[in-house]
């Protein structure tokens, strides 16, 4: 059984209404979902590091 995928023009990925075969679009969709998930994990962690490293008190009180 020969399971070759049909070739497609990769420029179609950059078009809003590009014609990408379903079998090829699934990995790109999963990659996009994982990228959004990782971005949502990294940004709050990055903000915590910046807050913890700042020399000023965060509760508004003066020492």
PDB file of N, CA and C in Angstrom:
ATOM      1  N   UNK A   1       0.840  -1.181   0.000  1.00  0.00           N
ATOM      2  CA  UNK A   1       0.000   0.000   0.000  1.00  0.00           C
ATOM      3  C   UNK A   1       0.883   1.242   0.000  1.00  0.00           C
ATOM      4  N   UNK A   2       0.742   2.047  -1.005  1.00  0.00           N
ATOM      5  CA  UNK A   2       1.562   3.247  -1.160  1.00  0.00           C
ATOM      6  C   UNK A   2       0.813   4.451  -0.578  1.00  0.00           C
ATOM      7  N   UNK A   3       1.359   5.048   0.505  1.00  0.00           N
ATOM      8  CA  UNK A   3       0.686   6.147   1.200  1.00  0.00           C
ATOM      9  C   UNK A   3       1.393   7.485   0.928  1.00  0.00           C
ATOM     10  N   UNK A   4       1.551   7.826  -0.310  1.00  0.00           N
ATOM     11  CA  UNK A   4       2.193   9.104  -0.650  1.00  0.00           C
ATOM     12  C   UNK A   4       1.179  10.231  -0.587  1.00  0.00           C
ATOM     13  N   UNK A   5       1.626  11.350  -0.042  1.00  0.00           N
ATOM     14  CA  UNK A   5       0.760  12.520   0.007  1.00  0.00           C
ATOM     15  C   UNK A   5       0.897  13.305  -1.282  1.00  0.00           C
ATOM     16  N   UNK A   6      -0.207  13.903  -1.695  1.00  0.00           N
ATOM     17  CA  UNK A   6      -0.165  14.738  -2.885  1.00  0.00           C
ATOM     18  C   UNK A   6       0.656  15.983  -2.595  1.00  0.00           C
ATOM     19  N   UNK A   7       1.523  16.362  -3.517  1.00  0.00           N
ATOM     20  CA  UNK A   7       2.261  17.609  -3.307  1.00  0.00           C
ATOM     21  C   UNK A   7       1.323  18.806  -3.414  1.00  0.00           C
ATOM     22  N   UNK A   8       1.654  19.852  -2.673  1.00  0.00           N
ATOM     23  CA  UNK A   8       0.870  21.081  -2.772  1.00  0.00           C
ATOM     24  C   UNK A   8       1.816  22.266  -2.694  1.00  0.00           C
ATOM     25  N   UNK A   9       1.335  23.394  -3.133  1.00  0.00           N
ATOM     26  CA  UNK A   9       2.125  24.614  -3.145  1.00  0.00           C
ATOM     27  C   UNK A   9       2.138  25.216  -1.734  1.00  0.00           C
ATOM     28  N   UNK A  10       3.309  25.329  -1.126  1.00  0.00           N
ATOM     29  CA  UNK A  10       3.416  25.848   0.242  1.00  0.00           C
ATOM     30  C   UNK A  10       3.022  27.320   0.328  1.00  0.00           C
ATOM     31  N   UNK A  11       2.981  28.023  -0.783  1.00  0.00           N
ATOM     32  CA  UNK A  11       2.511  29.413  -0.770  1.00  0.00           C
ATOM     33  C   UNK A  11       1.032  29.493  -0.414  1.00  0.00           C
ATOM     34  N   UNK A  12       0.313  28.386  -0.586  1.00  0.00           N
ATOM     35  CA  UNK A  12      -1.105  28.353  -0.222  1.00  0.00           C
ATOM     36  C   UNK A  12      -1.288  28.536   1.282  1.00  0.00           C
ATOM     37  N   UNK A  13      -0.284  28.160   2.079  1.00  0.00           N
ATOM     38  CA  UNK A  13      -0.366  28.325   3.529  1.00  0.00           C
ATOM     39  C   UNK A  13      -0.415  29.800   3.931  1.00  0.00           C
ATOM     40  N   UNK A  14       0.152  30.649   3.126  1.00  0.00           N
ATOM     41  CA  UNK A  14       0.229  32.070   3.456  1.00  0.00           C
ATOM     42  C   UNK A  14      -0.986  32.860   2.999  1.00  0.00           C
ATOM     43  N   UNK A  15      -1.846  32.232   2.213  1.00  0.00           N
ATOM     44  CA  UNK A  15      -3.043  32.902   1.713  1.00  0.00           C
ATOM     45  C   UNK A  15      -4.186  32.727   2.712  1.00  0.00           C
ATOM     46  N   UNK A  16      -5.066  33.719   2.799  1.00  0.00           N
ATOM     47  CA  UNK A  16      -6.205  33.641   3.704  1.00  0.00           C
ATOM     48  C   UNK A  16      -7.127  32.486   3.320  1.00  0.00           C
ATOM     49  N   UNK A  17      -7.410  32.337   2.053  1.00  0.00           N
ATOM     50  CA  UNK A  17      -8.269  31.259   1.576  1.00  0.00           C
ATOM     51  C   UNK A  17      -7.468  30.248   0.764  1.00  0.00           C
ATOM     52  N   UNK A  18      -6.273  29.912   1.247  1.00  0.00           N
ATOM     53  CA  UNK A  18      -5.421  28.973   0.530  1.00  0.00           C
ATOM     54  C   UNK A  18      -6.031  27.575   0.512  1.00  0.00           C
ATOM     55  N   UNK A  19      -5.726  26.817  -0.522  1.00  0.00           N
ATOM     56  CA  UNK A  19      -6.240  25.467  -0.694  1.00  0.00           C
ATOM     57  C   UNK A  19      -5.189  24.474  -0.205  1.00  0.00           C
ATOM     58  N   UNK A  20      -5.332  24.040   1.058  1.00  0.00           N
ATOM     59  CA  UNK A  20      -4.398  23.093   1.658  1.00  0.00           C
ATOM     60  C   UNK A  20      -5.168  21.802   1.915  1.00  0.00           C
ATOM     61  N   UNK A  21      -4.632  20.656   1.493  1.00  0.00           N
ATOM     62  CA  UNK A  21      -5.324  19.395   1.739  1.00  0.00           C
ATOM     63  C   UNK A  21      -5.521  19.148   3.240  1.00  0.00           C
ATOM     64  N   UNK A  22      -6.638  18.508   3.595  1.00  0.00           N
ATOM     65  CA  UNK A  22      -6.979  18.280   4.998  1.00  0.00           C
ATOM     66  C   UNK A  22      -5.874  17.522   5.731  1.00  0.00           C
ATOM     67  N   UNK A  23      -5.323  16.496   5.093  1.00  0.00           N
ATOM     68  CA  UNK A  23      -4.284  15.685   5.733  1.00  0.00           C
ATOM     69  C   UNK A  23      -3.055  16.532   6.046  1.00  0.00           C
ATOM     70  N   UNK A  24      -2.760  17.511   5.228  1.00  0.00           N
ATOM     71  CA  UNK A  24      -1.630  18.400   5.476  1.00  0.00           C
ATOM     72  C   UNK A  24      -1.965  19.499   6.475  1.00  0.00           C
ATOM     73  N   UNK A  25      -3.236  19.866   6.565  1.00  0.00           N
ATOM     74  CA  UNK A  25      -3.603  20.976   7.440  1.00  0.00           C
ATOM     75  C   UNK A  25      -3.665  20.575   8.910  1.00  0.00           C
ATOM     76  N   UNK A  26      -3.916  19.308   9.204  1.00  0.00           N
ATOM     77  CA  UNK A  26      -4.024  18.858  10.594  1.00  0.00           C
ATOM     78  C   UNK A  26      -2.729  19.093  11.371  1.00  0.00           C
ATOM     79  N   UNK A  27      -1.551  18.702  10.863  1.00  0.00           N
ATOM     80  CA  UNK A  27      -0.327  18.984  11.628  1.00  0.00           C
ATOM     81  C   UNK A  27      -0.084  20.485  11.842  1.00  0.00           C
ATOM     82  N   UNK A  28      -0.417  21.307  10.863  1.00  0.00           N
ATOM     83  CA  UNK A  28      -0.257  22.755  11.038  1.00  0.00           C
ATOM     84  C   UNK A  28      -1.220  23.269  12.106  1.00  0.00           C
ATOM     85  N   UNK A  29      -2.418  22.725  12.158  1.00  0.00           N
ATOM     86  CA  UNK A  29      -3.379  23.128  13.183  1.00  0.00           C
ATOM     87  C   UNK A  29      -2.918  22.728  14.571  1.00  0.00           C
ATOM     88  N   UNK A  30      -2.406  21.512  14.706  1.00  0.00           N
ATOM     89  CA  UNK A  30      -1.898  21.051  16.004  1.00  0.00           C
ATOM     90  C   UNK A  30      -0.707  21.900  16.434  1.00  0.00           C
ATOM     91  N   UNK A  31       0.169  22.230  15.494  1.00  0.00           N
ATOM     92  CA  UNK A  31       1.322  23.079  15.810  1.00  0.00           C
ATOM     93  C   UNK A  31       0.852  24.442  16.304  1.00  0.00           C
ATOM     94  N   UNK A  32      -0.171  24.993  15.685  1.00  0.00           N
ATOM     95  CA  UNK A  32      -0.695  26.296  16.081  1.00  0.00           C
ATOM     96  C   UNK A  32      -1.284  26.230  17.495  1.00  0.00           C
ATOM     97  N   UNK A  33      -2.042  25.199  17.774  1.00  0.00           N
ATOM     98  CA  UNK A  33      -2.640  25.050  19.107  1.00  0.00           C
ATOM     99  C   UNK A  33      -1.561  24.908  20.168  1.00  0.00           C
ATOM    100  N   UNK A  34      -0.539  24.116  19.911  1.00  0.00           N
ATOM    101  CA  UNK A  34       0.551  23.966  20.872  1.00  0.00           C
ATOM    102  C   UNK A  34       1.308  25.267  21.082  1.00  0.00           C
ATOM    103  N   UNK A  35       1.510  26.035  20.015  1.00  0.00           N
ATOM    104  CA  UNK A  35       2.199  27.318  20.141  1.00  0.00           C
ATOM    105  C   UNK A  35       1.397  28.286  21.002  1.00  0.00           C
ATOM    106  N   UNK A  36       0.078  28.311  20.838  1.00  0.00           N
ATOM    107  CA  UNK A  36      -0.770  29.187  21.659  1.00  0.00           C
ATOM    108  C   UNK A  36      -0.766  28.722  23.116  1.00  0.00           C
ATOM    109  N   UNK A  37      -0.768  27.418  23.336  1.00  0.00           N
ATOM    110  CA  UNK A  37      -0.730  26.877  24.690  1.00  0.00           C
ATOM    111  C   UNK A  37       0.572  27.258  25.388  1.00  0.00           C
ATOM    112  N   UNK A  38       1.692  27.082  24.715  1.00  0.00           N
ATOM    113  CA  UNK A  38       2.994  27.417  25.299  1.00  0.00           C
ATOM    114  C   UNK A  38       3.101  28.914  25.560  1.00  0.00           C
ATOM    115  N   UNK A  39       2.584  29.729  24.655  1.00  0.00           N
ATOM    116  CA  UNK A  39       2.633  31.183  24.859  1.00  0.00           C
ATOM    117  C   UNK A  39       1.842  31.584  26.092  1.00  0.00           C
ATOM    118  N   UNK A  40       0.726  30.918  26.357  1.00  0.00           N
ATOM    119  CA  UNK A  40      -0.067  31.226  27.546  1.00  0.00           C
ATOM    120  C   UNK A  40       0.612  30.760  28.818  1.00  0.00           C
ATOM    121  N   UNK A  41       1.496  29.800  28.744  1.00  0.00           N
ATOM    122  CA  UNK A  41       2.240  29.363  29.916  1.00  0.00           C
ATOM    123  C   UNK A  41       3.451  30.247  30.182  1.00  0.00           C
ATOM    124  N   UNK A  42       4.121  30.675  29.137  1.00  0.00           N
ATOM    125  CA  UNK A  42       5.370  31.415  29.286  1.00  0.00           C
ATOM    126  C   UNK A  42       5.131  32.858  29.713  1.00  0.00           C
ATOM    127  N   UNK A  43       4.131  33.511  29.184  1.00  0.00           N
ATOM    128  CA  UNK A  43       3.912  34.925  29.501  1.00  0.00           C
ATOM    129  C   UNK A  43       3.660  35.157  30.986  1.00  0.00           C
ATOM    130  N   UNK A  44       2.751  34.428  31.647  1.00  0.00           N
ATOM    131  CA  UNK A  44       2.586  34.665  33.083  1.00  0.00           C
ATOM    132  C   UNK A  44       3.849  34.354  33.883  1.00  0.00           C
ATOM    133  N   UNK A  45       4.586  33.324  33.501  1.00  0.00           N
ATOM    134  CA  UNK A  45       5.827  32.991  34.197  1.00  0.00           C
ATOM    135  C   UNK A  45       6.844  34.111  34.020  1.00  0.00           C
ATOM    136  N   UNK A  46       6.919  34.660  32.826  1.00  0.00           N
ATOM    137  CA  UNK A  46       7.835  35.759  32.546  1.00  0.00           C
ATOM    138  C   UNK A  46       7.468  36.984  33.375  1.00  0.00           C
ATOM    139  N   UNK A  47       6.176  37.247  33.524  1.00  0.00           N
ATOM    140  CA  UNK A  47       5.732  38.392  34.320  1.00  0.00           C
ATOM    141  C   UNK A  47       6.051  38.180  35.799  1.00  0.00           C
ATOM    142  N   UNK A  48       5.930  36.941  36.294  1.00  0.00           N
ATOM    143  CA  UNK A  48       6.268  36.654  37.685  1.00  0.00           C
ATOM    144  C   UNK A  48       7.741  36.899  37.946  1.00  0.00           C
ATOM    145  N   UNK A  49       8.582  36.525  37.016  1.00  0.00           N
ATOM    146  CA  UNK A  49      10.024  36.732  37.173  1.00  0.00           C
ATOM    147  C   UNK A  49      10.329  38.224  37.210  1.00  0.00           C
ATOM    148  N   UNK A  50       9.692  39.008  36.357  1.00  0.00           N
ATOM    149  CA  UNK A  50       9.928  40.450  36.339  1.00  0.00           C
ATOM    150  C   UNK A  50       9.452  41.109  37.625  1.00  0.00           C
ATOM    151  N   UNK A  51       8.314  40.676  38.147  1.00  0.00           N
ATOM    152  CA  UNK A  51       7.783  41.245  39.385  1.00  0.00           C
ATOM    153  C   UNK A  51       8.687  40.874  40.554  1.00  0.00           C
ATOM    154  N   UNK A  52       9.134  39.628  40.606  1.00  0.00           N
ATOM    155  CA  UNK A  52       9.998  39.181  41.696  1.00  0.00           C
ATOM    156  C   UNK A  52      11.358  39.859  41.655  1.00  0.00           C
ATOM    157  N   UNK A  53      11.819  40.229  40.473  1.00  0.00           N
ATOM    158  CA  UNK A  53      13.140  40.833  40.338  1.00  0.00           C
ATOM    159  C   UNK A  53      13.114  42.347  40.513  1.00  0.00           C
ATOM    160  N   UNK A  54      11.931  42.952  40.553  1.00  0.00           N
ATOM    161  CA  UNK A  54      11.870  44.407  40.669  1.00  0.00           C
ATOM    162  C   UNK A  54      12.221  44.837  42.091  1.00  0.00           C
ATOM    163  N   UNK A  55      12.969  45.926  42.245  1.00  0.00           N
ATOM    164  CA  UNK A  55      13.399  46.367  43.580  1.00  0.00           C
ATOM    165  C   UNK A  55      12.301  47.074  44.370  1.00  0.00           C
ATOM    166  N   UNK A  56      11.248  47.545  43.730  1.00  0.00           N
ATOM    167  CA  UNK A  56      10.196  48.285  44.415  1.00  0.00           C
ATOM    168  C   UNK A  56       9.169  47.329  45.006  1.00  0.00           C
ATOM    169  N   UNK A  57       8.609  47.680  46.164  1.00  0.00           N
ATOM    170  CA  UNK A  57       7.534  46.843  46.717  1.00  0.00           C
ATOM    171  C   UNK A  57       6.293  46.926  45.847  1.00  0.00           C
ATOM    172  N   UNK A  58       5.603  45.813  45.675  1.00  0.00           N
ATOM    173  CA  UNK A  58       4.456  45.748  44.782  1.00  0.00           C
ATOM    174  C   UNK A  58       3.133  46.099  45.475  1.00  0.00           C
ATOM    175  N   UNK A  59       3.117  46.166  46.830  1.00  0.00           N
ATOM    176  CA  UNK A  59       1.867  46.433  47.531  1.00  0.00           C
ATOM    177  C   UNK A  59       1.619  47.911  47.745  1.00  0.00           C
ATOM    178  N   UNK A  60       2.512  48.768  47.309  1.00  0.00           N
ATOM    179  CA  UNK A  60       2.333  50.212  47.397  1.00  0.00           C
ATOM    180  C   UNK A  60       2.861  50.800  48.684  1.00  0.00           C
ATOM    181  N   UNK A  61       3.342  49.999  49.613  1.00  0.00           N
ATOM    182  CA  UNK A  61       3.848  50.545  50.875  1.00  0.00           C
ATOM    183  C   UNK A  61       5.308  50.964  50.717  1.00  0.00           C
ATOM    184  N   UNK A  62       5.664  51.974  51.472  1.00  0.00           N
ATOM    185  CA  UNK A  62       7.036  52.483  51.464  1.00  0.00           C
ATOM    186  C   UNK A  62       7.783  51.881  52.643  1.00  0.00           C
ATOM    187  N   UNK A  63       9.032  51.502  52.445  1.00  0.00           N
ATOM    188  CA  UNK A  63       9.846  50.969  53.555  1.00  0.00           C
ATOM    189  C   UNK A  63      10.720  52.052  54.117  1.00  0.00           C
TER     190      UNK A  63
END
